[in-house]
N, C-alpha and C. Protein backbone atom coordinates (compact mmCIF):
# COMPACT_ATOMS: atom_id res chain seq x y z
N GLN A 1 4.31 -61.38 69.93
CA GLN A 1 3.70 -60.23 69.28
C GLN A 1 2.40 -59.92 69.99
N LYS A 2 2.21 -58.66 70.33
CA LYS A 2 1.00 -58.28 71.07
C LYS A 2 0.07 -57.39 70.25
N GLU A 3 0.60 -56.67 69.28
CA GLU A 3 -0.21 -55.74 68.48
C GLU A 3 0.13 -55.91 67.00
N GLY A 4 -0.85 -55.62 66.15
CA GLY A 4 -0.61 -55.65 64.71
C GLY A 4 -1.15 -56.92 64.08
N TYR A 5 -0.72 -57.18 62.87
CA TYR A 5 -1.19 -58.36 62.14
C TYR A 5 -0.24 -59.53 62.33
N LEU A 6 -0.81 -60.71 62.52
CA LEU A 6 -0.06 -61.94 62.69
C LEU A 6 -0.37 -62.84 61.50
N ASN A 7 0.68 -63.28 60.80
CA ASN A 7 0.49 -64.19 59.67
C ASN A 7 0.08 -65.57 60.16
N VAL A 8 -0.81 -66.21 59.41
CA VAL A 8 -1.23 -67.58 59.68
C VAL A 8 -0.73 -68.42 58.51
N SER A 9 0.16 -69.36 58.81
CA SER A 9 0.76 -70.19 57.76
C SER A 9 0.45 -71.66 58.01
N ASP A 10 0.48 -72.44 56.93
CA ASP A 10 0.40 -73.88 57.13
C ASP A 10 1.79 -74.37 57.54
N THR A 11 1.90 -75.66 57.83
CA THR A 11 3.18 -76.19 58.32
C THR A 11 3.82 -77.15 57.32
N ARG A 12 3.45 -77.00 56.06
CA ARG A 12 4.01 -77.86 55.00
C ARG A 12 5.54 -77.73 54.94
N VAL A 13 6.03 -76.50 55.08
CA VAL A 13 7.47 -76.21 55.04
C VAL A 13 7.82 -75.45 56.32
N TYR A 14 8.89 -75.84 56.99
CA TYR A 14 9.31 -75.16 58.21
C TYR A 14 9.74 -73.72 57.89
N THR A 15 9.18 -72.77 58.65
CA THR A 15 9.57 -71.37 58.53
C THR A 15 10.07 -70.92 59.90
N PRO A 16 11.32 -70.46 60.00
CA PRO A 16 11.84 -70.01 61.29
C PRO A 16 11.01 -68.87 61.87
N TRP A 17 10.94 -68.82 63.21
CA TRP A 17 10.20 -67.77 63.91
C TRP A 17 10.70 -66.41 63.46
N GLY A 18 9.77 -65.51 63.18
CA GLY A 18 10.13 -64.16 62.77
C GLY A 18 10.24 -63.99 61.26
N ARG A 19 10.19 -65.09 60.53
CA ARG A 19 10.25 -65.03 59.07
C ARG A 19 8.84 -65.17 58.50
N VAL A 20 8.65 -64.69 57.29
CA VAL A 20 7.36 -64.81 56.61
C VAL A 20 7.42 -66.03 55.69
N SER A 21 6.38 -66.85 55.74
CA SER A 21 6.31 -68.04 54.89
C SER A 21 6.23 -67.65 53.42
N ASP A 22 6.52 -68.62 52.57
CA ASP A 22 6.32 -68.42 51.14
C ASP A 22 4.84 -68.15 50.88
N PRO A 23 4.51 -67.36 49.86
CA PRO A 23 3.11 -67.02 49.58
C PRO A 23 2.19 -68.24 49.46
N GLU A 24 2.70 -69.35 48.90
CA GLU A 24 1.85 -70.53 48.73
C GLU A 24 1.54 -71.22 50.07
N ASP A 25 2.30 -70.90 51.12
CA ASP A 25 2.09 -71.49 52.45
C ASP A 25 1.40 -70.53 53.42
N LEU A 26 1.19 -69.31 52.99
CA LEU A 26 0.60 -68.27 53.84
C LEU A 26 -0.92 -68.27 53.66
N ILE A 27 -1.64 -68.67 54.70
CA ILE A 27 -3.09 -68.79 54.64
C ILE A 27 -3.75 -67.42 54.72
N GLY A 28 -3.27 -66.57 55.62
CA GLY A 28 -3.84 -65.24 55.80
C GLY A 28 -3.23 -64.55 56.99
N ALA A 29 -3.96 -63.58 57.53
CA ALA A 29 -3.48 -62.83 58.69
C ALA A 29 -4.66 -62.47 59.58
N VAL A 30 -4.38 -62.30 60.87
CA VAL A 30 -5.37 -61.85 61.84
C VAL A 30 -4.81 -60.65 62.59
N LEU A 31 -5.70 -59.79 63.08
CA LEU A 31 -5.30 -58.62 63.85
C LEU A 31 -5.21 -58.99 65.32
N LEU A 32 -4.10 -58.56 65.96
CA LEU A 32 -3.91 -58.77 67.39
C LEU A 32 -4.03 -57.44 68.13
N LYS A 33 -4.73 -57.46 69.25
CA LYS A 33 -4.78 -56.32 70.18
C LYS A 33 -4.55 -56.89 71.56
N GLU A 34 -3.57 -56.33 72.25
CA GLU A 34 -3.21 -56.79 73.59
C GLU A 34 -2.95 -58.30 73.62
N GLY A 35 -2.35 -58.82 72.54
CA GLY A 35 -1.99 -60.22 72.48
C GLY A 35 -3.11 -61.18 72.16
N LYS A 36 -4.30 -60.68 71.85
CA LYS A 36 -5.44 -61.54 71.54
C LYS A 36 -5.94 -61.26 70.13
N ILE A 37 -6.42 -62.31 69.47
CA ILE A 37 -6.97 -62.16 68.12
C ILE A 37 -8.28 -61.40 68.20
N VAL A 38 -8.42 -60.39 67.37
CA VAL A 38 -9.67 -59.63 67.28
C VAL A 38 -10.61 -60.43 66.38
N PRO A 39 -11.76 -60.90 66.92
CA PRO A 39 -12.68 -61.70 66.12
C PRO A 39 -13.10 -60.98 64.83
N GLY A 40 -13.22 -61.76 63.76
CA GLY A 40 -13.69 -61.23 62.49
C GLY A 40 -12.63 -60.51 61.67
N THR A 41 -11.36 -60.59 62.08
CA THR A 41 -10.32 -59.84 61.36
C THR A 41 -9.48 -60.71 60.43
N PHE A 42 -9.80 -61.98 60.28
CA PHE A 42 -9.02 -62.83 59.39
C PHE A 42 -9.12 -62.32 57.96
N GLN A 43 -7.96 -62.17 57.33
CA GLN A 43 -7.87 -61.74 55.94
C GLN A 43 -7.12 -62.81 55.15
N PRO A 44 -7.80 -63.52 54.23
CA PRO A 44 -7.09 -64.52 53.43
C PRO A 44 -6.12 -63.86 52.45
N THR A 45 -5.05 -64.57 52.11
CA THR A 45 -4.06 -64.00 51.20
C THR A 45 -4.44 -64.15 49.74
N GLY A 46 -5.13 -65.21 49.41
CA GLY A 46 -5.44 -65.46 48.00
C GLY A 46 -4.29 -66.14 47.27
N THR A 47 -3.17 -66.35 47.95
CA THR A 47 -2.01 -66.99 47.31
C THR A 47 -1.76 -68.40 47.84
N HIS A 48 -2.47 -68.79 48.91
CA HIS A 48 -2.26 -70.11 49.51
C HIS A 48 -2.66 -71.20 48.52
N ARG A 49 -1.89 -72.26 48.49
CA ARG A 49 -2.15 -73.40 47.62
C ARG A 49 -2.35 -74.65 48.47
N ILE A 50 -3.43 -75.39 48.17
CA ILE A 50 -3.70 -76.64 48.89
C ILE A 50 -2.59 -77.66 48.59
N VAL A 51 -2.18 -77.72 47.32
CA VAL A 51 -1.09 -78.60 46.90
C VAL A 51 -0.04 -77.76 46.20
N SER A 52 1.22 -77.97 46.55
CA SER A 52 2.32 -77.25 45.91
C SER A 52 3.42 -78.26 45.55
N MET A 53 4.53 -77.75 45.06
CA MET A 53 5.68 -78.61 44.75
C MET A 53 6.18 -79.33 46.01
N ASN A 54 5.84 -78.79 47.19
CA ASN A 54 6.26 -79.38 48.46
C ASN A 54 5.23 -80.34 49.04
N GLY A 55 4.15 -80.59 48.31
CA GLY A 55 3.14 -81.54 48.76
C GLY A 55 1.85 -80.89 49.23
N LEU A 56 1.04 -81.68 49.93
CA LEU A 56 -0.26 -81.26 50.45
C LEU A 56 -0.06 -80.38 51.68
N PHE A 57 -0.92 -79.37 51.85
CA PHE A 57 -0.78 -78.49 53.01
C PHE A 57 -1.03 -79.25 54.30
N CYS A 58 -0.48 -78.77 55.38
CA CYS A 58 -0.65 -79.34 56.72
C CYS A 58 -0.96 -78.19 57.68
N LEU A 59 -1.81 -78.46 58.65
CA LEU A 59 -2.08 -77.47 59.69
C LEU A 59 -1.42 -77.92 60.98
N SER A 60 -1.07 -76.94 61.81
CA SER A 60 -0.52 -77.26 63.12
C SER A 60 -1.59 -77.96 63.97
N GLU A 61 -1.16 -78.63 65.01
CA GLU A 61 -2.12 -79.28 65.91
C GLU A 61 -3.08 -78.26 66.50
N THR A 62 -2.59 -77.07 66.81
CA THR A 62 -3.43 -76.02 67.39
C THR A 62 -4.52 -75.60 66.41
N LEU A 63 -4.15 -75.31 65.16
CA LEU A 63 -5.15 -74.91 64.17
C LEU A 63 -6.13 -76.04 63.87
N THR A 64 -5.63 -77.26 63.79
CA THR A 64 -6.51 -78.40 63.54
C THR A 64 -7.52 -78.53 64.68
N GLY A 65 -7.07 -78.39 65.91
CA GLY A 65 -7.96 -78.46 67.07
C GLY A 65 -9.03 -77.38 67.04
N LYS A 66 -8.65 -76.17 66.66
CA LYS A 66 -9.62 -75.07 66.60
C LYS A 66 -10.65 -75.31 65.51
N LEU A 67 -10.24 -75.90 64.39
CA LEU A 67 -11.19 -76.21 63.32
C LEU A 67 -12.18 -77.29 63.76
N VAL A 68 -11.69 -78.27 64.51
CA VAL A 68 -12.54 -79.35 64.99
C VAL A 68 -13.53 -78.85 66.03
N GLU A 69 -13.09 -77.88 66.86
CA GLU A 69 -13.96 -77.29 67.89
C GLU A 69 -15.19 -76.78 67.24
């Protein structure tokens, strides 16, 4: 995806590429322009849950690395 909004999901439950995660697993969305995230465009969903029936949320290695940076 090069343009538009990209959903940011946790990895608690596997979601196939091209599908939208369940609301409790969807952290938010960011705007992409020319394949790059536009800074300051993160929009939280308000529906993400830290703990759900599927357990504690997990972040991908990439997101975890960016948070640690």
